[in-house]
Amino acid sequence: MDIQQLFLQRYDVLYGFWLGDLWELVPEALMRARPHERVNSIAWNLWHLTRVEDAGLNRFVTNGVQVFDEGEWAKRLKISWRHHGSGMSFAEVDELDRLIDLGALQAYSAAVQARTREIISRLRMEDLDAVMERDYLRALLLDEGLAHPSAMGLVDNYLGWTRGKCLMNFGLTHPYQHVGEIGVIATLLGVNFD
């Protein structure tokens, strides 16, 4: 089994099964709802995991251009945030929930998934050994604005990570974490997935 097969084995299940019918099963009002004052919405989680995948694979793994920057996605999504949301206040989450265009979010998610598959198709094992260094991380997270101003500790968090670790974390581990969160939120909102 090669790296592409290994990655896609879990990636296909993520979007084909776990998140596959979510857009059709959850009404728009419930996508934007927070069932508790200390919990994010399903919409926020979908936006966040998509932003992390886009930035993580296109900037950290390949040093390429984000999908977000190629299609006027901020304008289409009707939001002003460039970062991926870690460290946002609940007031900011509420604002995102109110403003975001869910149809555009679904289209952005599909575009990021297509790019991820493109990246995976051309990856070589030796590409994954490069290590994240402080100056590069500062440029990505601070200069490019991928990190929320309150999440500056991410530079130290990612210091020393390999591109391979970034691939597996931003492409699989992180979204699966949020799939679990989305499932809990949906249950609290009374969404029936039967």
Protein backbone atom coordinates (compact mmCIF):
# COMPACT_ATOMS: atom_id res chain seq x y z
CA MET A 1 0.00 0.00 0.00
CA ASP A 2 1.35 3.45 -0.87
CA ILE A 3 0.78 6.80 0.86
CA GLN A 4 -2.03 7.74 -1.55
CA GLN A 5 -3.98 4.55 -0.89
CA LEU A 6 -3.45 4.78 2.85
CA PHE A 7 -4.63 8.41 3.02
CA LEU A 8 -7.61 7.96 0.70
CA GLN A 9 -8.80 4.87 2.60
CA ARG A 10 -9.74 7.16 5.51
CA TYR A 11 -10.40 10.36 3.51
CA ASP A 12 -13.05 8.73 1.32
CA VAL A 13 -14.92 7.51 4.42
CA LEU A 14 -14.69 10.96 6.00
CA TYR A 15 -16.46 12.74 3.15
CA GLY A 16 -18.39 9.86 1.61
CA PHE A 17 -19.88 8.48 4.80
CA TRP A 18 -19.43 10.66 7.90
CA LEU A 19 -20.08 14.01 6.22
CA GLY A 20 -21.71 12.76 3.02
CA ASP A 21 -25.40 13.45 3.74
CA LEU A 22 -24.97 16.15 6.35
CA TRP A 23 -25.80 19.04 3.99
CA GLU A 24 -29.13 17.45 3.06
CA LEU A 25 -30.10 16.11 6.50
CA VAL A 26 -29.51 19.19 8.65
CA PRO A 27 -31.82 22.17 8.06
CA GLU A 28 -30.11 25.54 7.57
CA ALA A 29 -31.37 26.95 10.88
CA LEU A 30 -29.87 24.01 12.75
CA MET A 31 -26.58 24.27 10.83
CA ARG A 32 -26.20 27.78 12.29
CA ALA A 33 -27.46 26.99 15.80
CA ARG A 34 -25.31 26.52 18.90
CA PRO A 35 -27.10 24.14 21.30
CA HIS A 36 -25.19 25.52 24.30
CA GLU A 37 -23.41 28.79 24.99
CA ARG A 38 -20.02 27.00 25.15
CA VAL A 39 -20.44 24.95 21.94
CA ASN A 40 -19.80 25.91 18.33
CA SER A 41 -22.31 25.33 15.52
CA ILE A 42 -22.21 22.68 12.80
CA ALA A 43 -21.63 25.48 10.23
CA TRP A 44 -18.64 26.79 12.19
CA ASN A 45 -17.17 23.29 12.45
CA LEU A 46 -17.56 22.68 8.70
CA TRP A 47 -16.01 26.07 7.87
CA HIS A 48 -13.16 25.51 10.35
CA LEU A 49 -12.25 21.98 9.25
CA THR A 50 -12.35 23.09 5.60
CA ARG A 51 -10.14 26.13 6.25
CA VAL A 52 -7.66 23.99 8.19
CA GLU A 53 -7.53 21.37 5.41
CA ASP A 54 -7.11 24.03 2.72
CA ALA A 55 -4.38 25.97 4.54
CA GLY A 56 -2.76 22.88 6.05
CA LEU A 57 -2.34 20.88 2.85
CA ASN A 58 -1.76 23.75 0.43
CA ARG A 59 0.59 25.82 2.59
CA PHE A 60 2.14 23.45 5.12
CA VAL A 61 2.43 20.29 3.00
CA THR A 62 3.00 21.57 -0.55
CA ASN A 63 3.81 25.29 -0.11
CA GLY A 64 1.21 25.95 -2.82
CA VAL A 65 -1.70 28.37 -3.14
CA GLN A 66 -4.84 27.87 -1.07
CA VAL A 67 -8.15 27.21 -2.79
CA PHE A 68 -9.44 30.08 -0.62
CA ASP A 69 -7.15 32.51 -2.49
CA GLU A 70 -8.05 31.35 -5.99
CA GLY A 71 -11.79 31.80 -6.09
CA GLU A 72 -12.73 34.91 -4.11
CA TRP A 73 -14.02 32.57 -1.42
CA ALA A 74 -14.14 35.21 1.33
CA LYS A 75 -16.53 37.23 -0.82
CA ARG A 76 -18.56 34.18 -1.84
CA LEU A 77 -18.77 32.93 1.75
CA LYS A 78 -19.75 36.47 2.86
CA ILE A 79 -17.21 36.51 5.68
CA SER A 80 -14.20 38.67 6.42
CA TRP A 81 -12.02 36.07 8.17
CA ARG A 82 -8.94 34.67 6.50
CA HIS A 83 -7.76 32.61 9.47
CA HIS A 84 -9.09 29.14 10.30
CA GLY A 85 -11.00 30.04 13.44
CA SER A 86 -8.97 28.55 16.30
CA GLY A 87 -9.18 31.08 19.12
CA MET A 88 -12.37 32.80 17.93
CA SER A 89 -14.67 34.16 20.61
CA PHE A 90 -18.23 32.88 20.76
CA ALA A 91 -19.38 36.35 19.64
CA GLU A 92 -17.25 35.86 16.48
CA VAL A 93 -18.70 32.36 16.04
CA ASP A 94 -22.21 33.84 16.27
CA GLU A 95 -21.28 36.44 13.65
CA LEU A 96 -19.90 33.77 11.31
CA ASP A 97 -23.05 31.68 11.82
CA ARG A 98 -25.20 34.67 10.92
CA LEU A 99 -23.22 35.74 7.85
CA ILE A 100 -21.83 32.65 6.15
CA ASP A 101 -23.42 31.51 2.90
CA LEU A 102 -23.97 27.79 3.45
CA GLY A 103 -24.25 27.00 -0.27
CA ALA A 104 -20.89 28.68 -0.83
CA LEU A 105 -19.45 26.78 2.15
CA GLN A 106 -20.55 23.48 0.61
CA ALA A 107 -18.99 24.51 -2.73
CA TYR A 108 -15.77 25.62 -1.00
CA SER A 109 -15.61 22.30 0.86
CA ALA A 110 -16.01 20.41 -2.44
CA ALA A 111 -13.26 22.51 -4.06
CA VAL A 112 -10.90 21.86 -1.14
CA GLN A 113 -11.63 18.12 -1.32
CA ALA A 114 -10.83 18.12 -5.05
CA ARG A 115 -7.54 19.94 -4.37
CA THR A 116 -6.66 17.52 -1.58
CA ARG A 117 -7.13 14.59 -3.95
CA GLU A 118 -4.95 16.37 -6.50
CA ILE A 119 -2.22 16.92 -3.88
CA ILE A 120 -2.40 13.29 -2.75
CA SER A 121 -2.13 12.01 -6.32
CA ARG A 122 1.28 13.64 -6.78
CA LEU A 123 2.82 13.23 -3.32
CA ARG A 124 6.00 11.24 -2.89
CA MET A 125 7.17 9.81 0.43
CA GLU A 126 10.37 11.87 0.30
CA ASP A 127 8.25 15.06 0.08
CA LEU A 128 6.93 14.38 3.57
CA ASP A 129 10.21 14.51 5.50
CA ALA A 130 10.75 18.30 5.47
CA VAL A 131 10.41 19.86 8.92
CA MET A 132 8.42 23.00 9.82
CA GLU A 133 10.81 25.73 10.94
CA ARG A 134 10.02 28.84 12.99
CA ASP A 135 10.48 31.46 10.24
CA TYR A 136 8.32 29.52 7.80
CA LEU A 137 5.60 28.99 10.41
CA ARG A 138 5.65 32.67 11.40
CA ALA A 139 5.28 33.64 7.73
CA LEU A 140 2.32 31.29 7.25
CA LEU A 141 0.49 31.85 10.50
CA LEU A 142 1.24 35.49 11.24
CA ASP A 143 2.19 37.22 7.98
CA GLU A 144 -0.39 35.39 5.84
CA GLY A 145 -2.99 35.58 8.59
CA LEU A 146 -3.79 31.88 8.86
CA ALA A 147 -3.93 32.13 12.66
CA HIS A 148 -6.48 34.12 14.65
CA PRO A 149 -4.70 36.91 16.61
CA SER A 150 -5.42 35.05 19.87
CA ALA A 151 -3.83 31.81 18.60
CA MET A 152 -0.21 32.90 18.26
CA GLY A 153 0.95 29.84 20.22
CA LEU A 154 0.39 27.79 17.07
CA VAL A 155 3.89 28.71 15.83
CA ASP A 156 5.45 26.82 18.76
CA ASN A 157 2.83 24.08 18.50
CA TYR A 158 3.76 23.20 14.90
CA LEU A 159 7.51 23.75 15.31
CA GLY A 160 9.37 20.59 14.28
CA TRP A 161 6.39 18.91 12.62
CA THR A 162 7.19 17.16 9.35
CA ARG A 163 5.12 17.72 6.23
CA GLY A 164 3.94 14.13 6.68
CA LYS A 165 2.63 14.89 10.16
CA CYS A 166 0.90 17.99 8.76
CA LEU A 167 -0.69 15.88 6.01
CA MET A 168 -2.08 13.31 8.40
CA ASN A 169 -3.16 15.85 11.02
CA PHE A 170 -4.75 18.53 8.80
CA GLY A 171 -6.17 16.04 6.29
CA LEU A 172 -7.45 13.29 8.60
CA THR A 173 -6.97 13.55 12.37
CA HIS A 174 -8.29 17.10 12.72
CA PRO A 175 -11.42 16.67 10.55
CA TYR A 176 -12.32 13.40 12.29
CA GLN A 177 -12.13 15.21 15.63
CA HIS A 178 -14.68 17.72 14.33
CA VAL A 179 -16.89 14.99 12.86
CA GLY A 180 -17.32 13.74 16.41
CA GLU A 181 -18.12 17.25 17.59
CA ILE A 182 -20.64 17.71 14.76
CA GLY A 183 -22.33 14.45 15.75
CA VAL A 184 -22.73 15.62 19.35
CA ILE A 185 -24.04 19.03 18.25
CA ALA A 186 -26.52 17.42 15.85
CA THR A 187 -27.75 15.10 18.60
CA LEU A 188 -28.20 18.02 21.01
CA LEU A 189 -30.19 19.83 18.30
CA GLY A 190 -32.45 16.79 17.81
CA VAL A 191 -31.24 15.92 14.30
CA ASN A 192 -32.19 12.36 13.39
CA PHE A 193 -29.76 10.68 10.99
CA ASP A 194 -31.89 7.53 10.48
